[in-house]
Amino acid sequence: LSDVTAVARGALVTLGRGTRSMIDANRHDVIGYIQDTSQPAYGFNRGFGSNVKEKVPADSLNALQENLIRSHACGVGDPAPIEVVRATMFLRAVSLARGHSGVRSKVVTALIDCLNKGVVPVVPIQGSVSASGDLAPLSHIALCLMGEGDAYLLKQKGGTPRHVSAASALKQCGLTPLRLEMKEGLALNNGVQYSTALTALATEGMVCLIKTAAIATALTAQVMLGAETPF
């Protein structure tokens, strides 16, 4: 919980030693197996949801992933707080860094680079039904990685964030838009990290309130020369 809240408030993130090669090795194994056997694999060479039985032509695999993100980036309402979005990005990076999703390490480092450079996707606060993942909020984050949509560009600590296009934010920070490949769109938007981020930050706030209430109660009892027995 302390790690999540620290990153939400600006802490830098690094990828563990050896993790990058592990992620890429897993990706290589999965892709190699699918190409060698032509086995149907959900999100890799087949469609999504009710289209799971639809085979996707090899020349359309990357476009399918990018269009999945564009179609689901349909949240509404005011932008979610920057802390919530940063926590979401961090949690998604942690999940993908385990190497179980079959994505390239480049996808994980794209999230980490944005966190460390102060690029925060603009994510409408409403849109998730928390079923099959926080599809809309996570798609808005993925859209920013692709250089589409909008973003906040954070200045030095205490500075006012600037609302710019995602393409401009990436360019100003020397980052290149991520081109999604097989499975990577699905891996980026199928999770519950937005809901988890909200819960983590709410929990941290609750713990702070409980501690503050306990201290205030103790001080009040002491000042009023109250009895210890009721406690």
C-alpha atoms as a PDB file:
ATOM      1  CA  LEU A   1       0.000   0.000   0.000  1.00  0.00           C
ATOM      2  CA  SER A   2       2.842   2.392   0.799  1.00  0.00           C
ATOM      3  CA  ASP A   3       4.422   1.736  -2.618  1.00  0.00           C
ATOM      4  CA  VAL A   4       1.153   2.445  -4.440  1.00  0.00           C
ATOM      5  CA  THR A   5       0.547   5.711  -2.613  1.00  0.00           C
ATOM      6  CA  ALA A   6       4.188   6.784  -3.017  1.00  0.00           C
ATOM      7  CA  VAL A   7       4.083   6.334  -6.803  1.00  0.00           C
ATOM      8  CA  ALA A   8       0.662   7.987  -6.948  1.00  0.00           C
ATOM      9  CA  ARG A   9       2.286  11.060  -5.410  1.00  0.00           C
ATOM     10  CA  GLY A  10       5.355  11.165  -7.633  1.00  0.00           C
ATOM     11  CA  ALA A  11       7.849   8.463  -6.626  1.00  0.00           C
ATOM     12  CA  LEU A  12       9.975   7.051  -9.439  1.00  0.00           C
ATOM     13  CA  VAL A  13       9.709   3.443 -10.634  1.00  0.00           C
ATOM     14  CA  THR A  14      12.336   1.001 -11.902  1.00  0.00           C
ATOM     15  CA  LEU A  15      11.994  -2.441 -13.449  1.00  0.00           C
ATOM     16  CA  GLY A  16      13.641  -5.181 -11.410  1.00  0.00           C
ATOM     17  CA  ARG A  17      16.926  -6.670 -12.600  1.00  0.00           C
ATOM     18  CA  GLY A  18      16.296  -9.591 -14.933  1.00  0.00           C
ATOM     19  CA  THR A  19      12.589  -8.837 -15.235  1.00  0.00           C
ATOM     20  CA  ARG A  20      12.873  -7.355 -18.716  1.00  0.00           C
ATOM     21  CA  SER A  21      14.547 -10.463 -20.142  1.00  0.00           C
ATOM     22  CA  MET A  22      12.051 -12.751 -18.375  1.00  0.00           C
ATOM     23  CA  ILE A  23       9.089 -10.868 -19.867  1.00  0.00           C
ATOM     24  CA  ASP A  24      10.576 -10.965 -23.368  1.00  0.00           C
ATOM     25  CA  ALA A  25      11.474 -14.652 -23.049  1.00  0.00           C
ATOM     26  CA  ASN A  26       7.877 -15.477 -22.121  1.00  0.00           C
ATOM     27  CA  ARG A  27       6.629 -13.400 -25.031  1.00  0.00           C
ATOM     28  CA  HIS A  28       8.986 -15.195 -27.417  1.00  0.00           C
ATOM     29  CA  ASP A  29       7.826 -18.623 -26.222  1.00  0.00           C
ATOM     30  CA  VAL A  30       4.117 -17.838 -26.556  1.00  0.00           C
ATOM     31  CA  ILE A  31       4.386 -16.190 -29.971  1.00  0.00           C
ATOM     32  CA  GLY A  32       6.614 -18.978 -31.235  1.00  0.00           C
ATOM     33  CA  TYR A  33       4.161 -21.646 -30.114  1.00  0.00           C
ATOM     34  CA  ILE A  34       1.192 -19.892 -31.735  1.00  0.00           C
ATOM     35  CA  GLN A  35       3.029 -19.345 -35.008  1.00  0.00           C
ATOM     36  CA  ASP A  36       4.356 -22.905 -35.116  1.00  0.00           C
ATOM     37  CA  THR A  37       1.086 -24.641 -34.260  1.00  0.00           C
ATOM     38  CA  SER A  38      -1.564 -22.149 -35.491  1.00  0.00           C
ATOM     39  CA  GLN A  39      -3.454 -22.948 -32.288  1.00  0.00           C
ATOM     40  CA  PRO A  40      -6.327 -20.558 -31.548  1.00  0.00           C
ATOM     41  CA  ALA A  41      -5.333 -18.245 -28.705  1.00  0.00           C
ATOM     42  CA  TYR A  42      -7.727 -15.690 -27.230  1.00  0.00           C
ATOM     43  CA  GLY A  43      -6.509 -12.145 -27.778  1.00  0.00           C
ATOM     44  CA  PHE A  44      -3.539 -13.283 -29.859  1.00  0.00           C
ATOM     45  CA  ASN A  45      -4.880 -14.622 -33.157  1.00  0.00           C
ATOM     46  CA  ARG A  46      -8.608 -14.642 -32.363  1.00  0.00           C
ATOM     47  CA  GLY A  47     -11.186 -11.961 -31.699  1.00  0.00           C
ATOM     48  CA  PHE A  48     -12.622 -10.867 -28.356  1.00  0.00           C
ATOM     49  CA  GLY A  49     -15.827 -11.737 -26.527  1.00  0.00           C
ATOM     50  CA  SER A  50     -18.442 -13.181 -28.853  1.00  0.00           C
ATOM     51  CA  ASN A  51     -15.887 -13.023 -31.694  1.00  0.00           C
ATOM     52  CA  VAL A  52     -13.595 -15.486 -29.956  1.00  0.00           C
ATOM     53  CA  LYS A  53     -14.023 -18.028 -32.735  1.00  0.00           C
ATOM     54  CA  GLU A  54     -13.128 -15.531 -35.457  1.00  0.00           C
ATOM     55  CA  LYS A  55      -9.641 -16.028 -36.870  1.00  0.00           C
ATOM     56  CA  VAL A  56      -7.765 -12.771 -37.391  1.00  0.00           C
ATOM     57  CA  PRO A  57      -5.581 -12.427 -40.513  1.00  0.00           C
ATOM     58  CA  ALA A  58      -1.896 -11.995 -39.747  1.00  0.00           C
ATOM     59  CA  ASP A  59      -1.792  -8.549 -41.352  1.00  0.00           C
ATOM     60  CA  SER A  60      -4.630  -7.323 -39.095  1.00  0.00           C
ATOM     61  CA  LEU A  61      -3.352  -8.534 -35.707  1.00  0.00           C
ATOM     62  CA  ASN A  62      -1.743  -5.250 -34.697  1.00  0.00           C
ATOM     63  CA  ALA A  63      -4.622  -3.116 -35.950  1.00  0.00           C
ATOM     64  CA  LEU A  64      -7.044  -5.268 -33.934  1.00  0.00           C
ATOM     65  CA  GLN A  65      -5.199  -4.410 -30.718  1.00  0.00           C
ATOM     66  CA  GLU A  66      -5.110  -0.678 -31.423  1.00  0.00           C
ATOM     67  CA  ASN A  67      -8.754  -0.571 -32.478  1.00  0.00           C
ATOM     68  CA  LEU A  68      -9.727  -2.435 -29.317  1.00  0.00           C
ATOM     69  CA  ILE A  69      -8.223   0.407 -27.292  1.00  0.00           C
ATOM     70  CA  ARG A  70      -9.816   3.128 -29.422  1.00  0.00           C
ATOM     71  CA  SER A  71     -13.255   1.534 -29.238  1.00  0.00           C
ATOM     72  CA  HIS A  72     -13.151   1.155 -25.458  1.00  0.00           C
ATOM     73  CA  ALA A  73     -11.717   4.582 -24.624  1.00  0.00           C
ATOM     74  CA  CYS A  74     -15.243   5.881 -24.114  1.00  0.00           C
ATOM     75  CA  GLY A  75     -15.373   7.053 -20.501  1.00  0.00           C
ATOM     76  CA  VAL A  76     -17.409  10.093 -19.466  1.00  0.00           C
ATOM     77  CA  GLY A  77     -17.395  12.729 -16.770  1.00  0.00           C
ATOM     78  CA  ASP A  78     -14.664  14.827 -15.209  1.00  0.00           C
ATOM     79  CA  PRO A  79     -11.052  13.608 -15.346  1.00  0.00           C
ATOM     80  CA  ALA A  80     -10.049  11.207 -12.593  1.00  0.00           C
ATOM     81  CA  PRO A  81      -7.548  12.632 -10.071  1.00  0.00           C
ATOM     82  CA  ILE A  82      -3.932  12.441 -11.180  1.00  0.00           C
ATOM     83  CA  GLU A  83      -3.022  10.365  -8.111  1.00  0.00           C
ATOM     84  CA  VAL A  84      -5.619   7.751  -9.070  1.00  0.00           C
ATOM     85  CA  VAL A  85      -4.361   7.528 -12.642  1.00  0.00           C
ATOM     86  CA  ARG A  86      -0.718   7.235 -11.565  1.00  0.00           C
ATOM     87  CA  ALA A  87      -1.622   4.498  -9.079  1.00  0.00           C
ATOM     88  CA  THR A  88      -3.523   2.692 -11.831  1.00  0.00           C
ATOM     89  CA  MET A  89      -0.546   2.883 -14.210  1.00  0.00           C
ATOM     90  CA  PHE A  90       1.796   1.569 -11.536  1.00  0.00           C
ATOM     91  CA  LEU A  91      -0.478  -1.352 -10.636  1.00  0.00           C
ATOM     92  CA  ARG A  92      -0.885  -2.275 -14.309  1.00  0.00           C
ATOM     93  CA  ALA A  93       2.884  -2.198 -14.797  1.00  0.00           C
ATOM     94  CA  VAL A  94       3.333  -4.430 -11.733  1.00  0.00           C
ATOM     95  CA  SER A  95       0.801  -6.912 -13.107  1.00  0.00           C
ATOM     96  CA  LEU A  96       2.329  -7.067 -16.588  1.00  0.00           C
ATOM     97  CA  ALA A  97       5.846  -7.297 -15.152  1.00  0.00           C
ATOM     98  CA  ARG A  98       4.980 -10.742 -13.760  1.00  0.00           C
ATOM     99  CA  GLY A  99       5.309 -12.039 -17.317  1.00  0.00           C
ATOM    100  CA  HIS A 100       2.016 -13.949 -17.455  1.00  0.00           C
ATOM    101  CA  SER A 101       0.290 -11.776 -20.080  1.00  0.00           C
ATOM    102  CA  GLY A 102       2.603 -12.540 -22.989  1.00  0.00           C
ATOM    103  CA  VAL A 103       3.438  -8.916 -23.816  1.00  0.00           C
ATOM    104  CA  ARG A 104       6.783  -7.352 -24.673  1.00  0.00           C
ATOM    105  CA  SER A 105       8.772  -5.654 -21.927  1.00  0.00           C
ATOM    106  CA  LYS A 106       8.404  -2.506 -24.031  1.00  0.00           C
ATOM    107  CA  VAL A 107       4.768  -2.294 -22.896  1.00  0.00           C
ATOM    108  CA  VAL A 108       5.790  -2.298 -19.236  1.00  0.00           C
ATOM    109  CA  THR A 109       8.569   0.235 -19.755  1.00  0.00           C
ATOM    110  CA  ALA A 110       6.157   2.513 -21.645  1.00  0.00           C
ATOM    111  CA  LEU A 111       4.025   2.748 -18.490  1.00  0.00           C
ATOM    112  CA  ILE A 112       7.095   3.254 -16.302  1.00  0.00           C
ATOM    113  CA  ASP A 113       8.578   5.916 -18.597  1.00  0.00           C
ATOM    114  CA  CYS A 114       5.348   7.918 -18.485  1.00  0.00           C
ATOM    115  CA  LEU A 115       5.277   7.681 -14.688  1.00  0.00           C
ATOM    116  CA  ASN A 116       8.874   8.832 -14.366  1.00  0.00           C
ATOM    117  CA  LYS A 117       8.588  11.608 -16.969  1.00  0.00           C
ATOM    118  CA  GLY A 118       5.349  13.005 -15.543  1.00  0.00           C
ATOM    119  CA  VAL A 119       3.015  12.063 -18.401  1.00  0.00           C
ATOM    120  CA  VAL A 120      -0.419  11.276 -16.952  1.00  0.00           C
ATOM    121  CA  PRO A 121      -3.251  10.198 -19.276  1.00  0.00           C
ATOM    122  CA  VAL A 122      -6.526  12.070 -18.956  1.00  0.00           C
ATOM    123  CA  VAL A 123      -8.974   9.382 -17.799  1.00  0.00           C
ATOM    124  CA  PRO A 124     -12.699  10.179 -17.481  1.00  0.00           C
ATOM    125  CA  ILE A 125     -13.760   9.174 -13.992  1.00  0.00           C
ATOM    126  CA  GLN A 126     -16.860   7.234 -15.064  1.00  0.00           C
ATOM    127  CA  GLY A 127     -17.098   4.282 -17.416  1.00  0.00           C
ATOM    128  CA  SER A 128     -15.968   1.194 -15.554  1.00  0.00           C
ATOM    129  CA  VAL A 129     -18.471  -1.478 -14.586  1.00  0.00           C
ATOM    130  CA  SER A 130     -15.676  -3.508 -12.960  1.00  0.00           C
ATOM    131  CA  ALA A 131     -16.680  -6.570 -14.987  1.00  0.00           C
ATOM    132  CA  SER A 132     -14.073  -8.086 -17.301  1.00  0.00           C
ATOM    133  CA  GLY A 133     -11.859  -5.358 -15.952  1.00  0.00           C
ATOM    134  CA  ASP A 134     -11.836  -1.569 -15.896  1.00  0.00           C
ATOM    135  CA  LEU A 135     -11.962  -1.585 -19.690  1.00  0.00           C
ATOM    136  CA  ALA A 136     -12.743   2.089 -20.330  1.00  0.00           C
ATOM    137  CA  PRO A 137     -10.333   3.717 -17.831  1.00  0.00           C
ATOM    138  CA  LEU A 138      -7.493   1.383 -18.746  1.00  0.00           C
ATOM    139  CA  SER A 139      -8.147   2.004 -22.452  1.00  0.00           C
ATOM    140  CA  HIS A 140      -7.716   5.742 -21.928  1.00  0.00           C
ATOM    141  CA  ILE A 141      -4.325   5.029 -20.354  1.00  0.00           C
ATOM    142  CA  ALA A 142      -3.326   2.738 -23.210  1.00  0.00           C
ATOM    143  CA  LEU A 143      -4.536   5.330 -25.724  1.00  0.00           C
ATOM    144  CA  CYS A 144      -2.077   7.834 -24.268  1.00  0.00           C
ATOM    145  CA  LEU A 145       0.772   5.339 -24.599  1.00  0.00           C
ATOM    146  CA  MET A 146      -0.164   5.120 -28.294  1.00  0.00           C
ATOM    147  CA  GLY A 147       0.173   8.896 -28.613  1.00  0.00           C
ATOM    148  CA  GLU A 148      -3.571   9.469 -28.893  1.00  0.00           C
ATOM    149  CA  GLY A 149      -6.067  11.195 -26.610  1.00  0.00           C
ATOM    150  CA  ASP A 150      -5.061  13.739 -23.971  1.00  0.00           C
ATOM    151  CA  ALA A 151      -2.617  13.877 -21.101  1.00  0.00           C
ATOM    152  CA  TYR A 152      -1.445  15.991 -18.211  1.00  0.00           C
ATOM    153  CA  LEU A 153       2.195  16.996 -18.294  1.00  0.00           C
ATOM    154  CA  LEU A 154       3.489  17.426 -14.774  1.00  0.00           C
ATOM    155  CA  LYS A 155       6.061  20.085 -14.009  1.00  0.00           C
ATOM    156  CA  GLN A 156       8.380  20.177 -11.037  1.00  0.00           C
ATOM    157  CA  LYS A 157       6.926  19.373  -7.630  1.00  0.00           C
ATOM    158  CA  GLY A 158       4.170  21.818  -6.812  1.00  0.00           C
ATOM    159  CA  GLY A 159       3.778  23.046 -10.385  1.00  0.00           C
ATOM    160  CA  THR A 160       0.443  23.166 -12.170  1.00  0.00           C
ATOM    161  CA  PRO A 161      -0.133  20.237 -14.568  1.00  0.00           C
ATOM    162  CA  ARG A 162      -0.608  21.232 -18.205  1.00  0.00           C
ATOM    163  CA  HIS A 163      -3.424  19.656 -20.233  1.00  0.00           C
ATOM    164  CA  VAL A 164      -2.000  18.797 -23.662  1.00  0.00           C
ATOM    165  CA  SER A 165      -2.450  16.186 -26.344  1.00  0.00           C
ATOM    166  CA  ALA A 166      -0.888  12.818 -25.578  1.00  0.00           C
ATOM    167  CA  ALA A 167       1.258  13.099 -28.700  1.00  0.00           C
ATOM    168  CA  SER A 168       2.621  16.444 -27.533  1.00  0.00           C
ATOM    169  CA  ALA A 169       3.264  15.181 -23.994  1.00  0.00           C
ATOM    170  CA  LEU A 170       5.247  12.185 -25.251  1.00  0.00           C
ATOM    171  CA  LYS A 171       7.227  14.299 -27.697  1.00  0.00           C
ATOM    172  CA  GLN A 172       8.130  16.899 -25.071  1.00  0.00           C
ATOM    173  CA  CYS A 173       9.427  14.136 -22.810  1.00  0.00           C
ATOM    174  CA  GLY A 174      11.403  12.407 -25.550  1.00  0.00           C
ATOM    175  CA  LEU A 175       9.137   9.343 -25.574  1.00  0.00           C
ATOM    176  CA  THR A 176       7.983   7.434 -28.651  1.00  0.00           C
ATOM    177  CA  PRO A 177       4.330   6.356 -29.072  1.00  0.00           C
ATOM    178  CA  LEU A 178       3.847   2.652 -28.415  1.00  0.00           C
ATOM    179  CA  ARG A 179       2.801   0.541 -31.400  1.00  0.00           C
ATOM    180  CA  LEU A 180       0.742  -2.339 -30.044  1.00  0.00           C
ATOM    181  CA  GLU A 181       1.314  -5.863 -31.264  1.00  0.00           C
ATOM    182  CA  MET A 182      -0.499  -9.180 -30.826  1.00  0.00           C
ATOM    183  CA  LYS A 183      -2.357  -9.432 -27.474  1.00  0.00           C
ATOM    184  CA  GLU A 184      -0.999  -6.154 -26.073  1.00  0.00           C
ATOM    185  CA  GLY A 185      -4.158  -4.064 -26.335  1.00  0.00           C
ATOM    186  CA  LEU A 186      -6.107  -6.716 -24.459  1.00  0.00           C
ATOM    187  CA  ALA A 187      -3.350  -6.999 -21.858  1.00  0.00           C
ATOM    188  CA  LEU A 188      -3.439  -3.258 -21.235  1.00  0.00           C
ATOM    189  CA  ASN A 189      -7.187  -2.822 -20.816  1.00  0.00           C
ATOM    190  CA  ASN A 190      -8.295  -6.099 -19.224  1.00  0.00           C
ATOM    191  CA  GLY A 191      -7.653  -5.665 -15.516  1.00  0.00           C
ATOM    192  CA  VAL A 192      -9.068  -4.092 -12.368  1.00  0.00           C
ATOM    193  CA  GLN A 193      -6.225  -1.716 -11.569  1.00  0.00           C
ATOM    194  CA  TYR A 194      -8.398   1.416 -11.731  1.00  0.00           C
ATOM    195  CA  SER A 195     -10.770   0.039  -9.105  1.00  0.00           C
ATOM    196  CA  THR A 196      -7.786  -1.201  -7.102  1.00  0.00           C
ATOM    197  CA  ALA A 197      -6.142   2.226  -7.247  1.00  0.00           C
ATOM    198  CA  LEU A 198      -9.284   3.913  -5.936  1.00  0.00           C
ATOM    199  CA  THR A 199      -9.493   1.336  -3.158  1.00  0.00           C
ATOM    200  CA  ALA A 200      -5.812   1.605  -2.237  1.00  0.00           C
ATOM    201  CA  LEU A 201      -5.906   5.391  -1.961  1.00  0.00           C
ATOM    202  CA  ALA A 202      -9.181   5.286  -0.019  1.00  0.00           C
ATOM    203  CA  THR A 203      -7.688   2.721   2.358  1.00  0.00           C
ATOM    204  CA  GLU A 204      -4.593   4.843   2.905  1.00  0.00           C
ATOM    205  CA  GLY A 205      -6.832   7.832   3.641  1.00  0.00           C
ATOM    206  CA  MET A 206      -8.937   5.761   6.033  1.00  0.00           C
ATOM    207  CA  VAL A 207      -5.851   4.607   7.969  1.00  0.00           C
ATOM    208  CA  CYS A 208      -4.717   8.224   8.265  1.00  0.00           C
ATOM    209  CA  LEU A 209      -8.158   9.283   9.555  1.00  0.00           C
ATOM    210  CA  ILE A 210      -8.261   6.465  12.110  1.00  0.00           C
ATOM    211  CA  LYS A 211      -4.818   7.360  13.463  1.00  0.00           C
ATOM    212  CA  THR A 212      -5.708  11.057  13.560  1.00  0.00           C
ATOM    213  CA  ALA A 213      -8.984  10.336  15.370  1.00  0.00           C
ATOM    214  CA  ALA A 214      -7.169   8.180  17.931  1.00  0.00           C
ATOM    215  CA  ILE A 215      -4.602  10.909  18.628  1.00  0.00           C
ATOM    216  CA  ALA A 216      -7.292  13.597  18.840  1.00  0.00           C
ATOM    217  CA  THR A 217      -9.324  11.462  21.240  1.00  0.00           C
ATOM    218  CA  ALA A 218      -6.289  10.777  23.435  1.00  0.00           C
ATOM    219  CA  LEU A 219      -5.304  14.439  23.572  1.00  0.00           C
ATOM    220  CA  THR A 220      -8.867  15.532  24.338  1.00  0.00           C
ATOM    221  CA  ALA A 221      -9.196  12.998  27.153  1.00  0.00           C
ATOM    222  CA  GLN A 222      -5.863  14.089  28.619  1.00  0.00           C
ATOM    223  CA  VAL A 223      -6.657  17.831  28.471  1.00  0.00           C
ATOM    224  CA  MET A 224     -10.048  17.242  30.126  1.00  0.00           C
ATOM    225  CA  LEU A 225      -8.439  14.968  32.740  1.00  0.00           C
ATOM    226  CA  GLY A 226     -10.724  12.205  31.532  1.00  0.00           C
ATOM    227  CA  ALA A 227     -10.676   8.696  32.992  1.00  0.00           C
ATOM    228  CA  GLU A 228      -8.806   5.921  31.219  1.00  0.00           C
ATOM    229  CA  THR A 229     -11.416   3.291  32.167  1.00  0.00           C
ATOM    230  CA  PRO A 230     -13.796   3.845  29.191  1.00  0.00           C
ATOM    231  CA  PHE A 231     -10.910   3.171  26.833  1.00  0.00           C
END
